[in-house]
Amino acid sequence: MESTRTYLPAAGLDWLLPLYDSFVKLLGGDAARTALLEQAGIRSGQHVLEIGCGTGELTTVAKRLHSNVEVIGLDPDRKALARAQRKASKNGVSIRYDQGFSDQLPYDDGSFDRVLSCFMFHHLAADEKSKTLREVRRVLQADGEFHMLDFGGPEGASHGFVSRLLHSHERLQDNSESRVLSLMKQAGFANAEAVGHRAMLFGNMTYYQATI
């Protein structure tokens, strides 16, 4: 059953969902996702979770590259998850998709070696960001890692026209690099750092890595 909680859809607006994959690919999303997976350094036999998986593009690529890794995707959007499941079937890969919110992860403590987040964190309200990071830390194993790609950059950095069109100024401003790193540390991550940047038509992107 679909949750009664509200959320911001992957494309910012629900009616844009059918166009989302093509839109992100056109703006350079494929290369950005590939770089995130390379950063994560996923190894054989690991358990991997993507929060806010949307239409399942990252999870599908991860499973195709690492067939002997368990991959789970979580998202509150039932329509996006249906698209993700169809995509996995089309690509001949087995991926578990769960409906839920990143600040209330339905998994036991220490369940995952890697948790990934791609183009999602800026969707969250301020309190949801803090709760999400605490939940990510909780479900990571002691030697686990969190890898994230999202809108970022120093305070005052300009955001691309596309990002401003789809997302509110307030949400983007609350997603500055220093703000995100501060939230990660407050959530209990011993090591949190920005490890790379990418300029896209979406706007400025930052790659983050955090460990317990």
N, C-alpha and C. Protein backbone atom coordinates (compact mmCIF):
# COMPACT_ATOMS: atom_id res chain seq x y z
N MET A 1 0.84 -1.20 0.00
CA MET A 1 0.00 0.00 0.00
C MET A 1 0.88 1.25 0.00
N GLU A 2 0.53 2.21 -0.82
CA GLU A 2 1.32 3.42 -0.92
C GLU A 2 1.17 4.26 0.34
N SER A 3 2.27 4.82 0.80
CA SER A 3 2.27 5.59 2.04
C SER A 3 1.48 6.88 1.87
N THR A 4 0.86 7.34 2.99
CA THR A 4 0.13 8.60 2.97
C THR A 4 1.07 9.79 3.17
N ARG A 5 2.33 9.54 3.50
CA ARG A 5 3.31 10.61 3.63
C ARG A 5 3.57 11.25 2.27
N THR A 6 3.87 12.52 2.30
CA THR A 6 4.20 13.20 1.05
C THR A 6 5.69 13.06 0.76
N TYR A 7 6.06 13.19 -0.50
CA TYR A 7 7.45 13.12 -0.91
C TYR A 7 7.58 13.83 -2.25
N LEU A 8 8.81 14.21 -2.56
CA LEU A 8 9.08 14.86 -3.83
C LEU A 8 9.47 13.79 -4.84
N PRO A 9 8.71 13.63 -5.94
CA PRO A 9 9.01 12.59 -6.93
C PRO A 9 10.39 12.78 -7.55
N ALA A 10 10.89 11.71 -8.18
CA ALA A 10 12.23 11.72 -8.76
C ALA A 10 12.44 12.88 -9.72
N ALA A 11 11.43 13.16 -10.54
CA ALA A 11 11.55 14.23 -11.54
C ALA A 11 11.10 15.58 -11.02
N GLY A 12 10.80 15.65 -9.71
CA GLY A 12 10.33 16.90 -9.15
C GLY A 12 8.82 17.05 -9.25
N LEU A 13 8.25 16.60 -10.37
CA LEU A 13 6.82 16.63 -10.61
C LEU A 13 6.39 15.24 -11.09
N ASP A 14 5.29 14.75 -10.53
CA ASP A 14 4.86 13.37 -10.79
C ASP A 14 4.63 13.10 -12.28
N TRP A 15 4.09 14.06 -13.00
CA TRP A 15 3.75 13.82 -14.40
C TRP A 15 4.99 13.72 -15.30
N LEU A 16 6.17 14.12 -14.76
CA LEU A 16 7.40 14.03 -15.54
C LEU A 16 8.10 12.68 -15.42
N LEU A 17 7.59 11.79 -14.56
CA LEU A 17 8.26 10.52 -14.31
C LEU A 17 8.56 9.71 -15.57
N PRO A 18 7.63 9.59 -16.53
CA PRO A 18 7.95 8.81 -17.74
C PRO A 18 9.13 9.36 -18.54
N LEU A 19 9.45 10.63 -18.35
CA LEU A 19 10.54 11.26 -19.09
C LEU A 19 11.85 11.29 -18.29
N TYR A 20 11.79 10.86 -17.05
CA TYR A 20 12.91 11.07 -16.14
C TYR A 20 14.20 10.43 -16.61
N ASP A 21 14.17 9.16 -16.96
CA ASP A 21 15.40 8.46 -17.35
C ASP A 21 16.06 9.10 -18.57
N SER A 22 15.27 9.40 -19.58
CA SER A 22 15.83 10.03 -20.78
C SER A 22 16.38 11.41 -20.47
N PHE A 23 15.70 12.13 -19.62
CA PHE A 23 16.09 13.48 -19.23
C PHE A 23 17.44 13.46 -18.52
N VAL A 24 17.58 12.58 -17.52
CA VAL A 24 18.82 12.51 -16.76
C VAL A 24 19.98 12.03 -17.64
N LYS A 25 19.71 11.07 -18.50
CA LYS A 25 20.75 10.59 -19.41
C LYS A 25 21.25 11.70 -20.31
N LEU A 26 20.33 12.51 -20.83
CA LEU A 26 20.69 13.62 -21.71
C LEU A 26 21.59 14.62 -21.01
N LEU A 27 21.39 14.78 -19.71
CA LEU A 27 22.15 15.76 -18.94
C LEU A 27 23.43 15.18 -18.34
N GLY A 28 23.78 13.95 -18.71
CA GLY A 28 25.04 13.36 -18.26
C GLY A 28 24.94 12.46 -17.05
N GLY A 29 23.73 12.00 -16.75
CA GLY A 29 23.53 11.18 -15.56
C GLY A 29 24.23 9.84 -15.59
N ASP A 30 24.34 9.21 -16.75
CA ASP A 30 24.96 7.89 -16.83
C ASP A 30 26.41 7.92 -16.36
N ALA A 31 27.17 8.88 -16.85
CA ALA A 31 28.58 8.99 -16.45
C ALA A 31 28.71 9.31 -14.97
N ALA A 32 27.81 10.14 -14.47
CA ALA A 32 27.84 10.51 -13.06
C ALA A 32 27.58 9.31 -12.17
N ARG A 33 26.61 8.48 -12.55
CA ARG A 33 26.30 7.27 -11.78
C ARG A 33 27.45 6.28 -11.83
N THR A 34 28.04 6.11 -13.00
CA THR A 34 29.16 5.18 -13.14
C THR A 34 30.31 5.58 -12.22
N ALA A 35 30.58 6.87 -12.14
CA ALA A 35 31.64 7.35 -11.26
C ALA A 35 31.32 7.06 -9.80
N LEU A 36 30.04 7.16 -9.41
CA LEU A 36 29.65 6.87 -8.04
C LEU A 36 29.88 5.39 -7.72
N LEU A 37 29.54 4.51 -8.65
CA LEU A 37 29.74 3.09 -8.43
C LEU A 37 31.23 2.75 -8.34
N GLU A 38 32.04 3.39 -9.16
CA GLU A 38 33.49 3.17 -9.08
C GLU A 38 34.02 3.63 -7.73
N GLN A 39 33.52 4.75 -7.25
CA GLN A 39 33.92 5.27 -5.96
C GLN A 39 33.57 4.29 -4.84
N ALA A 40 32.40 3.65 -4.95
CA ALA A 40 31.92 2.77 -3.89
C ALA A 40 32.77 1.50 -3.74
N GLY A 41 33.45 1.10 -4.80
CA GLY A 41 34.32 -0.06 -4.71
C GLY A 41 33.62 -1.32 -4.24
N ILE A 42 32.47 -1.60 -4.82
CA ILE A 42 31.68 -2.77 -4.43
C ILE A 42 32.44 -4.05 -4.74
N ARG A 43 32.39 -4.99 -3.77
CA ARG A 43 33.12 -6.25 -3.92
C ARG A 43 32.17 -7.44 -3.86
N SER A 44 32.66 -8.56 -4.34
CA SER A 44 31.89 -9.80 -4.40
C SER A 44 31.29 -10.15 -3.05
N GLY A 45 30.02 -10.55 -3.06
CA GLY A 45 29.36 -11.02 -1.86
C GLY A 45 28.81 -9.94 -0.95
N GLN A 46 28.98 -8.69 -1.30
CA GLN A 46 28.51 -7.62 -0.44
C GLN A 46 27.00 -7.40 -0.57
N HIS A 47 26.45 -6.69 0.41
CA HIS A 47 25.04 -6.32 0.42
C HIS A 47 24.97 -4.81 0.22
N VAL A 48 24.23 -4.40 -0.80
CA VAL A 48 24.21 -2.99 -1.21
C VAL A 48 22.78 -2.47 -1.21
N LEU A 49 22.58 -1.29 -0.63
CA LEU A 49 21.28 -0.63 -0.60
C LEU A 49 21.38 0.73 -1.26
N GLU A 50 20.42 1.04 -2.13
CA GLU A 50 20.29 2.42 -2.61
C GLU A 50 19.03 3.01 -2.01
N ILE A 51 19.15 4.14 -1.33
CA ILE A 51 18.00 4.85 -0.80
C ILE A 51 17.53 5.86 -1.84
N GLY A 52 16.22 5.96 -1.99
CA GLY A 52 15.69 6.86 -3.02
C GLY A 52 16.07 6.40 -4.40
N CYS A 53 15.86 5.12 -4.68
CA CYS A 53 16.35 4.52 -5.94
C CYS A 53 15.57 4.96 -7.16
N GLY A 54 14.39 5.56 -6.98
CA GLY A 54 13.62 6.04 -8.12
C GLY A 54 13.29 4.95 -9.11
N THR A 55 13.63 5.18 -10.37
CA THR A 55 13.31 4.22 -11.43
C THR A 55 14.34 3.11 -11.57
N GLY A 56 15.29 3.04 -10.65
CA GLY A 56 16.18 1.89 -10.59
C GLY A 56 17.37 1.88 -11.53
N GLU A 57 17.75 3.03 -12.05
CA GLU A 57 18.86 3.04 -13.00
C GLU A 57 20.17 2.64 -12.33
N LEU A 58 20.47 3.21 -11.17
CA LEU A 58 21.73 2.90 -10.49
C LEU A 58 21.76 1.46 -10.00
N THR A 59 20.65 0.98 -9.43
CA THR A 59 20.62 -0.39 -8.93
C THR A 59 20.78 -1.39 -10.07
N THR A 60 20.18 -1.11 -11.20
CA THR A 60 20.30 -2.01 -12.35
C THR A 60 21.73 -2.08 -12.84
N VAL A 61 22.38 -0.95 -12.97
CA VAL A 61 23.78 -0.93 -13.41
C VAL A 61 24.66 -1.65 -12.40
N ALA A 62 24.42 -1.40 -11.11
CA ALA A 62 25.21 -2.04 -10.06
C ALA A 62 25.10 -3.55 -10.14
N LYS A 63 23.90 -4.05 -10.35
CA LYS A 63 23.70 -5.51 -10.41
C LYS A 63 24.30 -6.09 -11.69
N ARG A 64 24.22 -5.37 -12.79
CA ARG A 64 24.83 -5.86 -14.02
C ARG A 64 26.35 -5.95 -13.90
N LEU A 65 26.94 -5.01 -13.19
CA LEU A 65 28.39 -5.00 -13.01
C LEU A 65 28.85 -6.00 -11.95
N HIS A 66 27.96 -6.28 -10.98
CA HIS A 66 28.33 -7.14 -9.85
C HIS A 66 27.21 -8.16 -9.64
N SER A 67 27.19 -9.17 -10.45
CA SER A 67 26.09 -10.14 -10.43
C SER A 67 26.00 -10.93 -9.13
N ASN A 68 27.12 -11.07 -8.41
CA ASN A 68 27.12 -11.85 -7.17
C ASN A 68 27.02 -10.97 -5.92
N VAL A 69 26.43 -9.80 -6.09
CA VAL A 69 26.18 -8.88 -4.98
C VAL A 69 24.67 -8.74 -4.80
N GLU A 70 24.20 -8.74 -3.56
CA GLU A 70 22.79 -8.51 -3.30
C GLU A 70 22.51 -7.01 -3.36
N VAL A 71 21.59 -6.62 -4.21
CA VAL A 71 21.25 -5.21 -4.40
C VAL A 71 19.79 -4.98 -4.04
N ILE A 72 19.55 -4.01 -3.19
CA ILE A 72 18.19 -3.64 -2.79
C ILE A 72 17.99 -2.15 -3.06
N GLY A 73 16.84 -1.80 -3.59
CA GLY A 73 16.50 -0.40 -3.81
C GLY A 73 15.27 -0.03 -3.01
N LEU A 74 15.29 1.15 -2.41
CA LEU A 74 14.17 1.62 -1.60
C LEU A 74 13.71 2.98 -2.07
N ASP A 75 12.39 3.15 -2.17
CA ASP A 75 11.83 4.44 -2.61
C ASP A 75 10.38 4.52 -2.15
N PRO A 76 9.86 5.70 -1.84
CA PRO A 76 8.46 5.81 -1.44
C PRO A 76 7.48 5.81 -2.60
N ASP A 77 7.99 5.98 -3.83
CA ASP A 77 7.13 6.16 -5.00
C ASP A 77 6.80 4.82 -5.66
N ARG A 78 5.57 4.39 -5.50
CA ARG A 78 5.14 3.10 -6.06
C ARG A 78 5.30 3.07 -7.58
N LYS A 79 4.99 4.17 -8.25
CA LYS A 79 5.08 4.21 -9.71
C LYS A 79 6.54 4.09 -10.18
N ALA A 80 7.44 4.75 -9.47
CA ALA A 80 8.85 4.66 -9.82
C ALA A 80 9.37 3.25 -9.60
N LEU A 81 8.95 2.62 -8.51
CA LEU A 81 9.39 1.26 -8.22
C LEU A 81 8.89 0.27 -9.27
N ALA A 82 7.70 0.48 -9.78
CA ALA A 82 7.18 -0.39 -10.84
C ALA A 82 8.05 -0.28 -12.09
N ARG A 83 8.47 0.93 -12.40
CA ARG A 83 9.37 1.12 -13.54
C ARG A 83 10.72 0.46 -13.27
N ALA A 84 11.20 0.57 -12.05
CA ALA A 84 12.48 -0.05 -11.68
C ALA A 84 12.42 -1.56 -11.84
N GLN A 85 11.32 -2.17 -11.40
CA GLN A 85 11.19 -3.62 -11.51
C GLN A 85 11.13 -4.07 -12.96
N ARG A 86 10.42 -3.33 -13.79
CA ARG A 86 10.36 -3.65 -15.21
C ARG A 86 11.74 -3.53 -15.85
N LYS A 87 12.49 -2.53 -15.43
CA LYS A 87 13.84 -2.33 -15.96
C LYS A 87 14.75 -3.49 -15.58
N ALA A 88 14.66 -3.95 -14.34
CA ALA A 88 15.47 -5.07 -13.89
C ALA A 88 15.13 -6.33 -14.67
N SER A 89 13.85 -6.57 -14.86
CA SER A 89 13.42 -7.76 -15.63
C SER A 89 13.91 -7.69 -17.06
N LYS A 90 13.83 -6.52 -17.66
CA LYS A 90 14.29 -6.34 -19.04
C LYS A 90 15.77 -6.61 -19.16
N ASN A 91 16.54 -6.28 -18.12
CA ASN A 91 17.98 -6.49 -18.14
C ASN A 91 18.41 -7.85 -17.59
N GLY A 92 17.43 -8.65 -17.19
CA GLY A 92 17.73 -10.00 -16.72
C GLY A 92 18.47 -10.05 -15.40
N VAL A 93 18.20 -9.10 -14.51
CA VAL A 93 18.87 -9.08 -13.21
C VAL A 93 17.82 -9.15 -12.10
N SER A 94 18.21 -9.71 -10.98
CA SER A 94 17.32 -9.88 -9.84
C SER A 94 17.65 -8.82 -8.78
N ILE A 95 16.73 -7.90 -8.56
CA ILE A 95 16.90 -6.82 -7.59
C ILE A 95 15.64 -6.73 -6.74
N ARG A 96 15.81 -6.60 -5.46
CA ARG A 96 14.66 -6.43 -4.56
C ARG A 96 14.37 -4.95 -4.41
N TYR A 97 13.11 -4.59 -4.63
CA TYR A 97 12.69 -3.20 -4.46
C TYR A 97 11.66 -3.10 -3.35
N ASP A 98 11.91 -2.22 -2.40
CA ASP A 98 11.02 -2.01 -1.26
C ASP A 98 10.47 -0.60 -1.27
N GLN A 99 9.20 -0.47 -0.90
CA GLN A 99 8.60 0.85 -0.78
C GLN A 99 8.79 1.35 0.65
N GLY A 100 9.35 2.52 0.79
CA GLY A 100 9.59 3.07 2.12
C GLY A 100 10.36 4.36 2.05
N PHE A 101 10.60 4.94 3.22
CA PHE A 101 11.28 6.23 3.32
C PHE A 101 12.67 6.06 3.91
N SER A 102 13.58 6.91 3.47
CA SER A 102 14.98 6.79 3.87
C SER A 102 15.21 7.11 5.34
N ASP A 103 14.28 7.82 5.98
CA ASP A 103 14.45 8.15 7.39
C ASP A 103 13.80 7.12 8.31
N GLN A 104 13.25 6.05 7.71
CA GLN A 104 12.66 4.94 8.48
C GLN A 104 12.99 3.63 7.75
N LEU A 105 14.25 3.31 7.68
CA LEU A 105 14.68 2.15 6.90
C LEU A 105 14.19 0.85 7.53
N PRO A 106 13.53 -0.01 6.75
CA PRO A 106 12.97 -1.25 7.28
C PRO A 106 13.97 -2.41 7.30
N TYR A 107 15.17 -2.14 7.80
CA TYR A 107 16.23 -3.14 7.79
C TYR A 107 16.90 -3.19 9.15
N ASP A 108 17.47 -4.34 9.48
CA ASP A 108 18.15 -4.52 10.76
C ASP A 108 19.45 -3.74 10.82
N ASP A 109 19.92 -3.50 12.01
CA ASP A 109 21.22 -2.86 12.21
C ASP A 109 22.31 -3.67 11.50
N GLY A 110 23.25 -2.97 10.89
CA GLY A 110 24.40 -3.62 10.28
C GLY A 110 24.08 -4.56 9.13
N SER A 111 23.06 -4.23 8.34
CA SER A 111 22.63 -5.12 7.26
C SER A 111 23.42 -4.96 5.97
N PHE A 112 24.11 -3.83 5.79
CA PHE A 112 24.70 -3.53 4.48
C PHE A 112 26.17 -3.15 4.56
N ASP A 113 26.88 -3.53 3.48
CA ASP A 113 28.28 -3.14 3.32
C ASP A 113 28.39 -1.76 2.68
N ARG A 114 27.44 -1.45 1.81
CA ARG A 114 27.42 -0.16 1.13
C ARG A 114 25.99 0.37 1.09
N VAL A 115 25.85 1.66 1.35
CA VAL A 115 24.60 2.35 1.10
C VAL A 115 24.90 3.47 0.10
N LEU A 116 24.07 3.58 -0.93
CA LEU A 116 24.27 4.56 -2.00
C LEU A 116 23.09 5.52 -2.04
N SER A 117 23.37 6.73 -2.48
CA SER A 117 22.32 7.72 -2.71
C SER A 117 22.74 8.56 -3.90
N CYS A 118 21.84 8.71 -4.85
CA CYS A 118 22.18 9.42 -6.10
C CYS A 118 21.05 10.37 -6.50
N PHE A 119 21.34 11.66 -6.54
CA PHE A 119 20.37 12.68 -6.95
C PHE A 119 19.11 12.68 -6.08
N MET A 120 19.21 12.30 -4.82
CA MET A 120 18.03 12.18 -3.97
C MET A 120 18.05 13.07 -2.73
N PHE A 121 19.21 13.27 -2.12
CA PHE A 121 19.28 13.88 -0.80
C PHE A 121 18.65 15.26 -0.75
N HIS A 122 18.78 16.02 -1.83
CA HIS A 122 18.23 17.38 -1.87
C HIS A 122 16.70 17.38 -1.83
N HIS A 123 16.07 16.24 -2.10
CA HIS A 123 14.61 16.15 -2.04
C HIS A 123 14.09 16.26 -0.61
N LEU A 124 14.94 15.97 0.36
CA LEU A 124 14.49 15.84 1.74
C LEU A 124 14.44 17.17 2.47
N ALA A 125 13.48 17.28 3.38
CA ALA A 125 13.42 18.43 4.28
C ALA A 125 14.55 18.31 5.29
N ALA A 126 14.85 19.39 5.99
CA ALA A 126 16.01 19.43 6.87
C ALA A 126 15.98 18.33 7.93
N ASP A 127 14.83 18.13 8.59
CA ASP A 127 14.78 17.11 9.63
C ASP A 127 14.88 15.71 9.04
N GLU A 128 14.38 15.53 7.83
CA GLU A 128 14.46 14.23 7.17
C GLU A 128 15.90 13.90 6.79
N LYS A 129 16.68 14.90 6.46
CA LYS A 129 18.09 14.67 6.13
C LYS A 129 18.84 14.11 7.33
N SER A 130 18.63 14.73 8.49
CA SER A 130 19.31 14.26 9.71
C SER A 130 18.89 12.84 10.06
N LYS A 131 17.59 12.57 10.01
CA LYS A 131 17.09 11.24 10.33
C LYS A 131 17.60 10.21 9.32
N THR A 132 17.64 10.58 8.05
CA THR A 132 18.12 9.67 7.01
C THR A 132 19.56 9.27 7.26
N LEU A 133 20.41 10.22 7.57
CA LEU A 133 21.82 9.92 7.80
C LEU A 133 22.02 9.04 9.04
N ARG A 134 21.22 9.26 10.07
CA ARG A 134 21.31 8.38 11.24
C ARG A 134 20.86 6.97 10.90
N GLU A 135 19.84 6.85 10.07
CA GLU A 135 19.38 5.53 9.64
C GLU A 135 20.42 4.83 8.76
N VAL A 136 21.04 5.57 7.87
CA VAL A 136 22.09 5.00 7.02
C VAL A 136 23.22 4.45 7.89
N ARG A 137 23.63 5.22 8.85
CA ARG A 137 24.70 4.76 9.74
C ARG A 137 24.28 3.50 10.49
N ARG A 138 23.04 3.46 10.92
CA ARG A 138 22.54 2.31 11.69
C ARG A 138 22.58 1.02 10.89
N VAL A 139 22.19 1.08 9.61
CA VAL A 139 22.09 -0.16 8.82
C VAL A 139 23.43 -0.57 8.20
N LEU A 140 24.46 0.27 8.33
CA LEU A 140 25.77 -0.08 7.81
C LEU A 140 26.50 -1.00 8.78
N GLN A 141 27.26 -1.94 8.23
CA GLN A 141 28.14 -2.76 9.04
C GLN A 141 29.28 -1.90 9.56
N ALA A 142 30.03 -2.45 10.51
CA ALA A 142 31.09 -1.67 11.17
C ALA A 142 32.11 -1.14 10.18
N ASP A 143 32.38 -1.89 9.12
CA ASP A 143 33.34 -1.44 8.11
C ASP A 143 32.63 -0.96 6.84
N GLY A 144 31.35 -0.66 6.96
CA GLY A 144 30.57 -0.24 5.79
C GLY A 144 30.85 1.19 5.37
N GLU A 145 30.34 1.55 4.20
CA GLU A 145 30.58 2.89 3.65
C GLU A 145 29.31 3.44 3.02
N PHE A 146 29.15 4.74 3.14
CA PHE A 146 28.06 5.47 2.52
C PHE A 146 28.63 6.32 1.39
N HIS A 147 28.07 6.20 0.21
CA HIS A 147 28.53 6.96 -0.95
C HIS A 147 27.35 7.70 -1.55
N MET A 148 27.52 8.99 -1.76
CA MET A 148 26.41 9.82 -2.21
C MET A 148 26.85 10.81 -3.27
N LEU A 149 25.97 11.03 -4.23
CA LEU A 149 26.14 12.07 -5.26
C LEU A 149 24.91 12.95 -5.21
N ASP A 150 25.14 14.27 -5.08
CA ASP A 150 23.99 15.16 -5.02
C ASP A 150 24.41 16.59 -5.33
N PHE A 151 23.41 17.44 -5.50
CA PHE A 151 23.68 18.86 -5.66
C PHE A 151 24.53 19.34 -4.51
N GLY A 152 25.56 20.12 -4.80
CA GLY A 152 26.44 20.55 -3.74
C GLY A 152 27.28 21.74 -4.17
N GLY A 153 28.40 21.90 -3.49
CA GLY A 153 29.26 23.04 -3.76
C GLY A 153 29.25 23.99 -2.59
N PRO A 154 30.12 24.96 -2.60
CA PRO A 154 30.20 25.92 -1.49
C PRO A 154 28.97 26.80 -1.42
N GLU A 155 28.74 27.41 -0.25
CA GLU A 155 27.62 28.34 -0.09
C GLU A 155 27.73 29.45 -1.14
N GLY A 156 26.58 29.78 -1.68
CA GLY A 156 26.56 30.85 -2.66
C GLY A 156 26.81 30.37 -4.09
N ALA A 157 27.13 29.08 -4.25
CA ALA A 157 27.36 28.57 -5.60
C ALA A 157 26.05 28.60 -6.38
N SER A 158 26.15 28.91 -7.67
CA SER A 158 24.94 28.97 -8.48
C SER A 158 24.49 27.57 -8.86
N HIS A 159 23.18 27.41 -8.99
CA HIS A 159 22.61 26.14 -9.41
C HIS A 159 22.11 26.28 -10.84
N GLY A 160 22.19 25.20 -11.59
CA GLY A 160 21.78 25.23 -12.98
C GLY A 160 20.30 25.54 -13.14
N PHE A 161 19.94 25.97 -14.33
CA PHE A 161 18.55 26.33 -14.61
C PHE A 161 17.63 25.16 -14.36
N VAL A 162 18.05 23.95 -14.77
CA VAL A 162 17.20 22.77 -14.62
C VAL A 162 16.92 22.49 -13.14
N SER A 163 17.95 22.57 -12.31
CA SER A 163 17.75 22.30 -10.88
C SER A 163 16.81 23.33 -10.26
N ARG A 164 16.94 24.58 -10.65
CA ARG A 164 16.06 25.62 -10.10
C ARG A 164 14.64 25.45 -10.59
N LEU A 165 14.48 24.91 -11.79
CA LEU A 165 13.15 24.71 -12.35
C LEU A 165 12.40 23.61 -11.60
N LEU A 166 13.12 22.52 -11.24
CA LEU A 166 12.48 21.36 -10.64
C LEU A 166 12.41 21.40 -9.12
N HIS A 167 13.32 22.15 -8.49
CA HIS A 167 13.41 22.11 -7.03
C HIS A 167 13.45 23.52 -6.46
N SER A 168 12.92 23.66 -5.26
CA SER A 168 12.84 24.97 -4.63
C SER A 168 14.22 25.49 -4.25
N HIS A 169 14.35 26.80 -4.23
CA HIS A 169 15.60 27.45 -3.85
C HIS A 169 16.00 27.05 -2.43
N GLU A 170 15.01 26.96 -1.54
CA GLU A 170 15.30 26.65 -0.14
C GLU A 170 15.94 25.27 0.00
N ARG A 171 15.41 24.27 -0.72
CA ARG A 171 15.97 22.92 -0.62
C ARG A 171 17.39 22.88 -1.17
N LEU A 172 17.64 23.60 -2.24
CA LEU A 172 18.98 23.59 -2.82
C LEU A 172 19.98 24.30 -1.92
N GLN A 173 19.57 25.42 -1.34
CA GLN A 173 20.47 26.16 -0.46
C GLN A 173 20.81 25.37 0.80
N ASP A 174 19.88 24.53 1.24
CA ASP A 174 20.11 23.71 2.43
C ASP A 174 20.98 22.51 2.13
N ASN A 175 21.40 22.38 0.88
CA ASN A 175 22.17 21.21 0.46
C ASN A 175 23.62 21.57 0.13
N SER A 176 24.11 22.66 0.68
CA SER A 176 25.49 23.05 0.42
C SER A 176 26.45 21.99 0.95
N GLU A 177 27.64 21.98 0.42
CA GLU A 177 28.63 20.97 0.78
C GLU A 177 28.94 20.98 2.27
N SER A 178 29.15 22.15 2.83
CA SER A 178 29.48 22.23 4.25
C SER A 178 28.32 21.78 5.12
N ARG A 179 27.10 22.09 4.68
CA ARG A 179 25.91 21.68 5.42
C ARG A 179 25.78 20.16 5.42
N VAL A 180 25.96 19.53 4.26
CA VAL A 180 25.85 18.08 4.18
C VAL A 180 26.91 17.40 5.04
N LEU A 181 28.14 17.87 4.96
CA LEU A 181 29.21 17.27 5.76
C LEU A 181 28.95 17.44 7.25
N SER A 182 28.41 18.58 7.64
CA SER A 182 28.08 18.80 9.04
C SER A 182 27.01 17.83 9.51
N LEU A 183 25.99 17.61 8.68
CA LEU A 183 24.92 16.67 9.03
C LEU A 183 25.46 15.24 9.15
N MET A 184 26.38 14.87 8.28
CA MET A 184 26.97 13.54 8.34
C MET A 184 27.71 13.33 9.65
N LYS A 185 28.46 14.33 10.04
CA LYS A 185 29.22 14.22 11.30
C LYS A 185 28.29 14.19 12.50
N GLN A 186 27.23 14.99 12.46
CA GLN A 186 26.25 14.99 13.54
C GLN A 186 25.54 13.64 13.65
N ALA A 187 25.41 12.96 12.52
CA ALA A 187 24.75 11.65 12.51
C ALA A 187 25.63 10.55 13.06
N GLY A 188 26.91 10.85 13.32
CA GLY A 188 27.79 9.86 13.93
C GLY A 188 28.82 9.25 13.02
N PHE A 189 28.92 9.75 11.79
CA PHE A 189 29.96 9.24 10.90
C PHE A 189 31.31 9.81 11.34
N ALA A 190 32.26 8.91 11.58
CA ALA A 190 33.58 9.34 12.05
C ALA A 190 34.36 10.04 10.94
N ASN A 191 34.16 9.60 9.73
CA ASN A 191 34.86 10.17 8.58
C ASN A 191 33.84 10.51 7.50
N ALA A 192 33.73 11.77 7.19
CA ALA A 192 32.83 12.23 6.13
C ALA A 192 33.57 13.28 5.32
N GLU A 193 33.59 13.11 4.01
CA GLU A 193 34.33 14.04 3.17
C GLU A 193 33.73 14.14 1.79
N ALA A 194 33.97 15.28 1.17
CA ALA A 194 33.65 15.46 -0.24
C ALA A 194 34.85 14.97 -1.04
N VAL A 195 34.63 14.01 -1.90
CA VAL A 195 35.75 13.37 -2.60
C VAL A 195 35.80 13.69 -4.09
N GLY A 196 34.86 14.47 -4.57
CA GLY A 196 34.89 14.83 -5.99
C GLY A 196 33.76 15.79 -6.34
N HIS A 197 33.89 16.42 -7.50
CA HIS A 197 32.88 17.36 -7.97
C HIS A 197 32.64 17.12 -9.46
N ARG A 198 31.45 17.49 -9.89
CA ARG A 198 31.09 17.34 -11.30
C ARG A 198 30.14 18.47 -11.69
N ALA A 199 30.44 19.13 -12.78
CA ALA A 199 29.56 20.17 -13.29
C ALA A 199 28.64 19.56 -14.34
N MET A 200 27.33 19.68 -14.11
CA MET A 200 26.34 19.15 -15.03
C MET A 200 25.34 20.24 -15.36
N LEU A 201 24.53 20.00 -16.39
CA LEU A 201 23.48 20.95 -16.70
C LEU A 201 22.48 21.05 -15.56
N PHE A 202 22.38 19.99 -14.74
CA PHE A 202 21.57 20.04 -13.53
C PHE A 202 22.05 21.16 -12.60
N GLY A 203 23.38 21.30 -12.53
CA GLY A 203 24.00 22.20 -11.57
C GLY A 203 25.28 21.58 -11.06
N ASN A 204 25.83 22.13 -10.00
CA ASN A 204 27.08 21.60 -9.42
C ASN A 204 26.79 20.38 -8.58
N MET A 205 27.56 19.31 -8.79
CA MET A 205 27.37 18.06 -8.07
C MET A 205 28.59 17.76 -7.21
N THR A 206 28.34 17.16 -6.06
CA THR A 206 29.42 16.75 -5.17
C THR A 206 29.30 15.27 -4.86
N TYR A 207 30.43 14.59 -4.88
CA TYR A 207 30.50 13.19 -4.46
C TYR A 207 30.96 13.16 -3.00
N TYR A 208 30.22 12.42 -2.18
CA TYR A 208 30.54 12.29 -0.76
C TYR A 208 30.86 10.84 -0.41
N GLN A 209 31.69 10.69 0.61
CA GLN A 209 31.97 9.37 1.17
C GLN A 209 32.01 9.51 2.69
N ALA A 210 31.37 8.55 3.38
CA ALA A 210 31.35 8.58 4.84
C ALA A 210 31.49 7.16 5.39
N THR A 211 32.25 7.04 6.46
CA THR A 211 32.44 5.75 7.12
C THR A 211 32.15 5.91 8.61
N ILE A 212 31.87 4.78 9.26
CA ILE A 212 31.50 4.79 10.67
C ILE A 212 32.72 5.05 11.56
